[in-house]
PDB file of all heavy atoms in Angstrom:
ATOM      1  N   PHE A   1      -7.631  17.509  -3.556  1.00  0.00           N
ATOM      2  CA  PHE A   1      -7.100  16.452  -4.441  1.00  0.00           C
ATOM      3  C   PHE A   1      -8.289  16.066  -5.453  1.00  0.00           C
ATOM      4  O   PHE A   1      -8.038  15.775  -6.566  1.00  0.00           O
ATOM      5  CB  PHE A   1      -6.750  15.223  -3.567  1.00  0.00           C
ATOM      6  CG  PHE A   1      -6.384  14.054  -4.403  1.00  0.00           C
ATOM      7  CD1 PHE A   1      -5.343  13.952  -5.232  1.00  0.00           C
ATOM      8  CD2 PHE A   1      -7.164  12.802  -4.318  1.00  0.00           C
ATOM      9  CE1 PHE A   1      -4.876  12.842  -5.877  1.00  0.00           C
ATOM     10  CE2 PHE A   1      -6.837  11.751  -5.020  1.00  0.00           C
ATOM     11  CZ  PHE A   1      -5.667  11.804  -5.903  1.00  0.00           C
ATOM     12  N   ASN A   2      -9.462  16.053  -4.978  1.00  0.00           N
ATOM     13  CA  ASN A   2     -10.653  15.689  -5.769  1.00  0.00           C
ATOM     14  C   ASN A   2     -10.792  16.694  -7.007  1.00  0.00           C
ATOM     15  O   ASN A   2     -10.953  16.339  -8.152  1.00  0.00           O
ATOM     16  CB  ASN A   2     -11.906  15.611  -4.985  1.00  0.00           C
ATOM     17  CG  ASN A   2     -11.897  14.340  -4.016  1.00  0.00           C
ATOM     18  OD1 ASN A   2     -11.221  13.390  -4.300  1.00  0.00           O
ATOM     19  ND2 ASN A   2     -12.593  14.447  -2.994  1.00  0.00           N
ATOM     20  N   VAL A   3     -10.744  17.994  -6.562  1.00  0.00           N
ATOM     21  CA  VAL A   3     -10.798  19.046  -7.544  1.00  0.00           C
ATOM     22  C   VAL A   3      -9.653  18.998  -8.535  1.00  0.00           C
ATOM     23  O   VAL A   3      -9.901  18.986  -9.683  1.00  0.00           O
ATOM     24  CB  VAL A   3     -10.809  20.384  -6.853  1.00  0.00           C
ATOM     25  CG1 VAL A   3     -10.789  21.463  -7.943  1.00  0.00           C
ATOM     26  CG2 VAL A   3     -12.129  20.598  -6.014  1.00  0.00           C
ATOM     27  N   PHE A   4      -8.499  18.816  -8.182  1.00  0.00           N
ATOM     28  CA  PHE A   4      -7.309  18.779  -9.018  1.00  0.00           C
ATOM     29  C   PHE A   4      -7.432  17.507  -9.931  1.00  0.00           C
ATOM     30  O   PHE A   4      -7.082  17.535 -11.157  1.00  0.00           O
ATOM     31  CB  PHE A   4      -6.058  18.740  -8.161  1.00  0.00           C
ATOM     32  CG  PHE A   4      -4.701  18.813  -8.987  1.00  0.00           C
ATOM     33  CD1 PHE A   4      -4.657  19.559 -10.039  1.00  0.00           C
ATOM     34  CD2 PHE A   4      -3.668  18.146  -8.451  1.00  0.00           C
ATOM     35  CE1 PHE A   4      -3.426  19.664 -10.837  1.00  0.00           C
ATOM     36  CE2 PHE A   4      -2.447  18.096  -9.139  1.00  0.00           C
ATOM     37  CZ  PHE A   4      -2.379  18.906 -10.301  1.00  0.00           C
ATOM     38  N   SER A   5      -7.706  16.367  -9.422  1.00  0.00           N
ATOM     39  CA  SER A   5      -7.663  15.165 -10.091  1.00  0.00           C
ATOM     40  C   SER A   5      -8.711  15.200 -11.319  1.00  0.00           C
ATOM     41  O   SER A   5      -8.358  14.561 -12.359  1.00  0.00           O
ATOM     42  CB  SER A   5      -8.129  14.094  -9.223  1.00  0.00           C
ATOM     43  OG  SER A   5      -7.171  13.760  -8.298  1.00  0.00           O
ATOM     44  N   LYS A   6      -9.835  15.901 -11.208  1.00  0.00           N
ATOM     45  CA  LYS A   6     -10.773  16.048 -12.209  1.00  0.00           C
ATOM     46  C   LYS A   6     -10.240  16.833 -13.391  1.00  0.00           C
ATOM     47  O   LYS A   6     -10.747  16.712 -14.518  1.00  0.00           O
ATOM     48  CB  LYS A   6     -12.055  16.782 -11.655  1.00  0.00           C
ATOM     49  CG  LYS A   6     -12.882  15.785 -10.793  1.00  0.00           C
ATOM     50  CD  LYS A   6     -14.052  16.520 -10.220  1.00  0.00           C
ATOM     51  CE  LYS A   6     -14.773  15.586  -9.237  1.00  0.00           C
ATOM     52  NZ  LYS A   6     -15.918  16.399  -8.525  1.00  0.00           N
ATOM     53  N   GLN A   7      -9.154  17.615 -13.168  1.00  0.00           N
ATOM     54  CA  GLN A   7      -8.603  18.371 -14.289  1.00  0.00           C
ATOM     55  C   GLN A   7      -7.455  17.545 -14.967  1.00  0.00           C
ATOM     56  O   GLN A   7      -6.859  18.013 -15.961  1.00  0.00           O
ATOM     57  CB  GLN A   7      -8.007  19.642 -13.709  1.00  0.00           C
ATOM     58  CG  GLN A   7      -8.945  20.590 -13.032  1.00  0.00           C
ATOM     59  CD  GLN A   7      -8.415  21.828 -12.574  1.00  0.00           C
ATOM     60  OE1 GLN A   7      -7.670  22.614 -13.199  1.00  0.00           O
ATOM     61  NE2 GLN A   7      -8.634  22.150 -11.187  1.00  0.00           N
ATOM     62  N   LEU A   8      -7.269  16.385 -14.468  1.00  0.00           N
ATOM     63  CA  LEU A   8      -6.119  15.562 -15.065  1.00  0.00           C
ATOM     64  C   LEU A   8      -6.779  14.317 -15.736  1.00  0.00           C
ATOM     65  O   LEU A   8      -7.868  13.831 -15.398  1.00  0.00           O
ATOM     66  CB  LEU A   8      -5.183  15.047 -13.946  1.00  0.00           C
ATOM     67  CG  LEU A   8      -4.365  16.059 -13.304  1.00  0.00           C
ATOM     68  CD1 LEU A   8      -3.819  15.681 -12.035  1.00  0.00           C
ATOM     69  CD2 LEU A   8      -3.233  16.535 -14.226  1.00  0.00           C
ATOM     70  N   GLY A   9      -6.123  13.739 -16.793  1.00  0.00           N
ATOM     71  CA  GLY A   9      -6.506  12.571 -17.446  1.00  0.00           C
ATOM     72  C   GLY A   9      -5.932  11.392 -16.787  1.00  0.00           C
ATOM     73  O   GLY A   9      -5.565  11.375 -15.632  1.00  0.00           O
ATOM     74  N   ASN A  10      -5.746  10.378 -17.627  1.00  0.00           N
ATOM     75  CA  ASN A  10      -5.324   9.024 -17.017  1.00  0.00           C
ATOM     76  C   ASN A  10      -4.015   8.518 -17.726  1.00  0.00           C
ATOM     77  O   ASN A  10      -3.653   7.440 -17.810  1.00  0.00           O
ATOM     78  CB  ASN A  10      -6.295   7.953 -17.143  1.00  0.00           C
ATOM     79  CG  ASN A  10      -7.407   8.275 -16.206  1.00  0.00           C
ATOM     80  OD1 ASN A  10      -7.297   8.418 -14.985  1.00  0.00           O
ATOM     81  ND2 ASN A  10      -8.683   8.425 -16.663  1.00  0.00           N
ATOM     82  N   SER A  11      -3.222   9.501 -18.319  1.00  0.00           N
ATOM     83  CA  SER A  11      -1.960   9.149 -18.931  1.00  0.00           C
ATOM     84  C   SER A  11      -0.914   8.727 -17.815  1.00  0.00           C
ATOM     85  O   SER A  11      -1.277   8.941 -16.570  1.00  0.00           O
ATOM     86  CB  SER A  11      -1.306  10.268 -19.725  1.00  0.00           C
ATOM     87  OG  SER A  11      -0.911  11.371 -18.782  1.00  0.00           O
ATOM     88  N   ILE A  12       0.144   8.041 -18.101  1.00  0.00           N
ATOM     89  CA  ILE A  12       1.106   7.746 -17.176  1.00  0.00           C
ATOM     90  C   ILE A  12       1.536   8.960 -16.369  1.00  0.00           C
ATOM     91  O   ILE A  12       1.672   8.975 -15.197  1.00  0.00           O
ATOM     92  CB  ILE A  12       2.326   6.976 -17.862  1.00  0.00           C
ATOM     93  CG1 ILE A  12       1.900   5.729 -18.439  1.00  0.00           C
ATOM     94  CG2 ILE A  12       3.466   6.820 -16.796  1.00  0.00           C
ATOM     95  CD1 ILE A  12       2.975   5.047 -19.243  1.00  0.00           C
ATOM     96  N   ASN A  13       1.897  10.000 -17.075  1.00  0.00           N
ATOM     97  CA  ASN A  13       2.378  11.196 -16.422  1.00  0.00           C
ATOM     98  C   ASN A  13       1.369  11.944 -15.535  1.00  0.00           C
ATOM     99  O   ASN A  13       1.535  12.316 -14.377  1.00  0.00           O
ATOM    100  CB  ASN A  13       2.896  12.296 -17.408  1.00  0.00           C
ATOM    101  CG  ASN A  13       4.125  11.799 -18.101  1.00  0.00           C
ATOM    102  OD1 ASN A  13       4.865  10.821 -17.626  1.00  0.00           O
ATOM    103  ND2 ASN A  13       4.437  12.371 -19.264  1.00  0.00           N
ATOM    104  N   GLU A  14       0.082  11.893 -15.968  1.00  0.00           N
ATOM    105  CA  GLU A  14      -0.922  12.478 -15.131  1.00  0.00           C
ATOM    106  C   GLU A  14      -1.339  11.650 -13.975  1.00  0.00           C
ATOM    107  O   GLU A  14      -1.661  12.212 -12.934  1.00  0.00           O
ATOM    108  CB  GLU A  14      -2.160  12.705 -16.030  1.00  0.00           C
ATOM    109  CG  GLU A  14      -2.045  13.892 -17.012  1.00  0.00           C
ATOM    110  CD  GLU A  14      -3.140  13.917 -18.042  1.00  0.00           C
ATOM    111  OE1 GLU A  14      -3.256  12.929 -18.837  1.00  0.00           O
ATOM    112  OE2 GLU A  14      -3.772  14.929 -18.222  1.00  0.00           O
ATOM    113  N   ASN A  15      -1.225  10.281 -14.030  1.00  0.00           N
ATOM    114  CA  ASN A  15      -1.443   9.516 -12.973  1.00  0.00           C
ATOM    115  C   ASN A  15      -0.303   9.670 -11.923  1.00  0.00           C
ATOM    116  O   ASN A  15      -0.541   9.580 -10.681  1.00  0.00           O
ATOM    117  CB  ASN A  15      -1.481   8.047 -13.440  1.00  0.00           C
ATOM    118  CG  ASN A  15      -2.850   7.702 -13.912  1.00  0.00           C
ATOM    119  OD1 ASN A  15      -3.835   8.359 -13.698  1.00  0.00           O
ATOM    120  ND2 ASN A  15      -2.852   6.743 -14.901  1.00  0.00           N
ATOM    121  N   TYR A  16       0.865   9.830 -12.370  1.00  0.00           N
ATOM    122  CA  TYR A  16       2.066  10.246 -11.393  1.00  0.00           C
ATOM    123  C   TYR A  16       1.823  11.393 -10.655  1.00  0.00           C
ATOM    124  O   TYR A  16       1.991  11.405  -9.478  1.00  0.00           O
ATOM    125  CB  TYR A  16       3.356  10.148 -12.157  1.00  0.00           C
ATOM    126  CG  TYR A  16       4.461  10.656 -11.225  1.00  0.00           C
ATOM    127  CD1 TYR A  16       4.952   9.761 -10.313  1.00  0.00           C
ATOM    128  CD2 TYR A  16       4.993  11.926 -11.210  1.00  0.00           C
ATOM    129  CE1 TYR A  16       6.078  10.068  -9.493  1.00  0.00           C
ATOM    130  CE2 TYR A  16       6.041  12.323 -10.377  1.00  0.00           C
ATOM    131  CZ  TYR A  16       6.541  11.366  -9.468  1.00  0.00           C
ATOM    132  OH  TYR A  16       7.489  11.746  -8.615  1.00  0.00           O
ATOM    133  N   ILE A  17       1.355  12.464 -11.322  1.00  0.00           N
ATOM    134  CA  ILE A  17       1.090  13.684 -10.697  1.00  0.00           C
ATOM    135  C   ILE A  17       0.037  13.563  -9.591  1.00  0.00           C
ATOM    136  O   ILE A  17       0.131  14.002  -8.492  1.00  0.00           O
ATOM    137  CB  ILE A  17       0.549  14.847 -11.632  1.00  0.00           C
ATOM    138  CG1 ILE A  17       1.754  15.231 -12.597  1.00  0.00           C
ATOM    139  CG2 ILE A  17       0.063  16.055 -10.967  1.00  0.00           C
ATOM    140  CD1 ILE A  17       1.285  16.040 -13.797  1.00  0.00           C
ATOM    141  N   LYS A  18      -1.053  12.781  -9.916  1.00  0.00           N
ATOM    142  CA  LYS A  18      -2.076  12.580  -8.957  1.00  0.00           C
ATOM    143  C   LYS A  18      -1.487  11.758  -7.739  1.00  0.00           C
ATOM    144  O   LYS A  18      -1.810  12.056  -6.548  1.00  0.00           O
ATOM    145  CB  LYS A  18      -3.218  11.703  -9.536  1.00  0.00           C
ATOM    146  CG  LYS A  18      -4.115  12.591 -10.406  1.00  0.00           C
ATOM    147  CD  LYS A  18      -5.340  11.865 -10.959  1.00  0.00           C
ATOM    148  CE  LYS A  18      -5.040  11.129 -12.181  1.00  0.00           C
ATOM    149  NZ  LYS A  18      -6.236  10.505 -12.836  1.00  0.00           N
ATOM    150  N   SER A  19      -0.732  10.775  -7.996  1.00  0.00           N
ATOM    151  CA  SER A  19      -0.117   9.996  -7.011  1.00  0.00           C
ATOM    152  C   SER A  19       0.842  10.780  -6.037  1.00  0.00           C
ATOM    153  O   SER A  19       0.862  10.569  -4.778  1.00  0.00           O
ATOM    154  CB  SER A  19       0.722   8.765  -7.588  1.00  0.00           C
ATOM    155  OG  SER A  19       1.369   8.046  -6.605  1.00  0.00           O
ATOM    156  N   LEU A  20       1.617  11.649  -6.726  1.00  0.00           N
ATOM    157  CA  LEU A  20       2.575  12.491  -6.008  1.00  0.00           C
ATOM    158  C   LEU A  20       1.845  13.376  -5.022  1.00  0.00           C
ATOM    159  O   LEU A  20       2.230  13.530  -3.858  1.00  0.00           O
ATOM    160  CB  LEU A  20       3.430  13.232  -6.965  1.00  0.00           C
ATOM    161  CG  LEU A  20       4.485  14.176  -6.369  1.00  0.00           C
ATOM    162  CD1 LEU A  20       5.552  13.390  -5.646  1.00  0.00           C
ATOM    163  CD2 LEU A  20       5.118  14.987  -7.479  1.00  0.00           C
ATOM    164  N   PHE A  21       0.774  14.012  -5.530  1.00  0.00           N
ATOM    165  CA  PHE A  21      -0.036  14.945  -4.719  1.00  0.00           C
ATOM    166  C   PHE A  21      -0.685  14.150  -3.567  1.00  0.00           C
ATOM    167  O   PHE A  21      -0.667  14.619  -2.378  1.00  0.00           O
ATOM    168  CB  PHE A  21      -1.080  15.588  -5.591  1.00  0.00           C
ATOM    169  CG  PHE A  21      -1.847  16.688  -4.940  1.00  0.00           C
ATOM    170  CD1 PHE A  21      -1.521  18.047  -5.226  1.00  0.00           C
ATOM    171  CD2 PHE A  21      -2.875  16.452  -4.015  1.00  0.00           C
ATOM    172  CE1 PHE A  21      -2.187  19.112  -4.533  1.00  0.00           C
ATOM    173  CE2 PHE A  21      -3.548  17.463  -3.367  1.00  0.00           C
ATOM    174  CZ  PHE A  21      -3.161  18.861  -3.714  1.00  0.00           C
ATOM    175  N   GLU A  22      -1.218  13.046  -3.812  1.00  0.00           N
ATOM    176  CA  GLU A  22      -1.924  12.225  -2.738  1.00  0.00           C
ATOM    177  C   GLU A  22      -1.097  11.781  -1.716  1.00  0.00           C
ATOM    178  O   GLU A  22      -1.325  11.893  -0.537  1.00  0.00           O
ATOM    179  CB  GLU A  22      -2.635  11.035  -3.468  1.00  0.00           C
ATOM    180  CG  GLU A  22      -3.407  10.154  -2.496  1.00  0.00           C
ATOM    181  CD  GLU A  22      -4.093   8.918  -3.211  1.00  0.00           C
ATOM    182  OE1 GLU A  22      -3.655   8.620  -4.268  1.00  0.00           O
ATOM    183  OE2 GLU A  22      -5.035   8.344  -2.549  1.00  0.00           O
ATOM    184  N   ASN A  23       0.049  11.307  -2.108  1.00  0.00           N
ATOM    185  CA  ASN A  23       1.091  10.747  -1.088  1.00  0.00           C
ATOM    186  C   ASN A  23       1.669  11.918  -0.347  1.00  0.00           C
ATOM    187  O   ASN A  23       2.032  11.705   0.945  1.00  0.00           O
ATOM    188  CB  ASN A  23       2.248   9.974  -1.859  1.00  0.00           C
ATOM    189  CG  ASN A  23       1.791   8.724  -2.440  1.00  0.00           C
ATOM    190  OD1 ASN A  23       0.840   8.078  -1.887  1.00  0.00           O
ATOM    191  ND2 ASN A  23       2.413   8.254  -3.508  1.00  0.00           N
ATOM    192  N   ALA A  24       1.849  13.067  -0.939  1.00  0.00           N
ATOM    193  CA  ALA A  24       2.414  14.185  -0.168  1.00  0.00           C
ATOM    194  C   ALA A  24       1.361  14.718   0.825  1.00  0.00           C
ATOM    195  O   ALA A  24       1.746  14.938   2.064  1.00  0.00           O
ATOM    196  CB  ALA A  24       2.860  15.240  -0.994  1.00  0.00           C
ATOM    197  N   TYR A  25       0.305  14.998   0.413  1.00  0.00           N
ATOM    198  CA  TYR A  25      -0.707  15.812   1.271  1.00  0.00           C
ATOM    199  C   TYR A  25      -1.698  14.949   1.973  1.00  0.00           C
ATOM    200  O   TYR A  25      -2.287  15.459   2.956  1.00  0.00           O
ATOM    201  CB  TYR A  25      -1.460  16.937   0.338  1.00  0.00           C
ATOM    202  CG  TYR A  25      -0.342  17.963  -0.086  1.00  0.00           C
ATOM    203  CD1 TYR A  25       0.081  17.839  -1.399  1.00  0.00           C
ATOM    204  CD2 TYR A  25       0.170  18.943   0.747  1.00  0.00           C
ATOM    205  CE1 TYR A  25       1.013  18.845  -1.924  1.00  0.00           C
ATOM    206  CE2 TYR A  25       1.071  19.853   0.255  1.00  0.00           C
ATOM    207  CZ  TYR A  25       1.611  19.725  -1.021  1.00  0.00           C
ATOM    208  OH  TYR A  25       2.405  20.621  -1.474  1.00  0.00           O
ATOM    209  N   LEU A  26      -2.019  13.851   1.461  1.00  0.00           N
ATOM    210  CA  LEU A  26      -3.127  13.037   2.122  1.00  0.00           C
ATOM    211  C   LEU A  26      -2.519  11.990   2.992  1.00  0.00           C
ATOM    212  O   LEU A  26      -3.214  11.391   3.813  1.00  0.00           O
ATOM    213  CB  LEU A  26      -3.983  12.346   1.080  1.00  0.00           C
ATOM    214  CG  LEU A  26      -5.201  13.073   0.569  1.00  0.00           C
ATOM    215  CD1 LEU A  26      -4.743  14.396  -0.127  1.00  0.00           C
ATOM    216  CD2 LEU A  26      -5.946  12.274  -0.361  1.00  0.00           C
ATOM    217  N   LYS A  27      -1.213  11.769   2.987  1.00  0.00           N
ATOM    218  CA  LYS A  27      -0.586  10.761   3.874  1.00  0.00           C
ATOM    219  C   LYS A  27       0.388  11.441   4.744  1.00  0.00           C
ATOM    220  O   LYS A  27       1.255  10.747   5.392  1.00  0.00           O
ATOM    221  CB  LYS A  27       0.221   9.806   2.875  1.00  0.00           C
ATOM    222  CG  LYS A  27      -0.821   8.989   2.025  1.00  0.00           C
ATOM    223  CD  LYS A  27      -0.218   7.846   1.295  1.00  0.00           C
ATOM    224  CE  LYS A  27      -1.232   7.039   0.396  1.00  0.00           C
ATOM    225  NZ  LYS A  27      -0.587   6.023  -0.440  1.00  0.00           N
ATOM    226  N   HIS A  28       0.460  12.737   4.921  1.00  0.00           N
ATOM    227  CA  HIS A  28       1.236  13.417   5.941  1.00  0.00           C
ATOM    228  C   HIS A  28       0.386  14.371   6.725  1.00  0.00           C
ATOM    229  O   HIS A  28      -0.575  14.881   6.072  1.00  0.00           O
ATOM    230  CB  HIS A  28       2.378  14.162   5.247  1.00  0.00           C
ATOM    231  CG  HIS A  28       3.383  13.180   4.596  1.00  0.00           C
ATOM    232  ND1 HIS A  28       3.303  12.797   3.292  1.00  0.00           N
ATOM    233  CD2 HIS A  28       4.501  12.674   5.116  1.00  0.00           C
ATOM    234  CE1 HIS A  28       4.390  11.925   3.051  1.00  0.00           C
ATOM    235  NE2 HIS A  28       5.074  11.942   4.053  1.00  0.00           N
TER     236      HIS A  28
END
């Protein structure tokens, strides 16, 4: 998640992608 997040910006869509990844893999 840390590696992937650094490749993303802070637009609405990029923040959603980060949130989706985090909720899927860090909370299960």
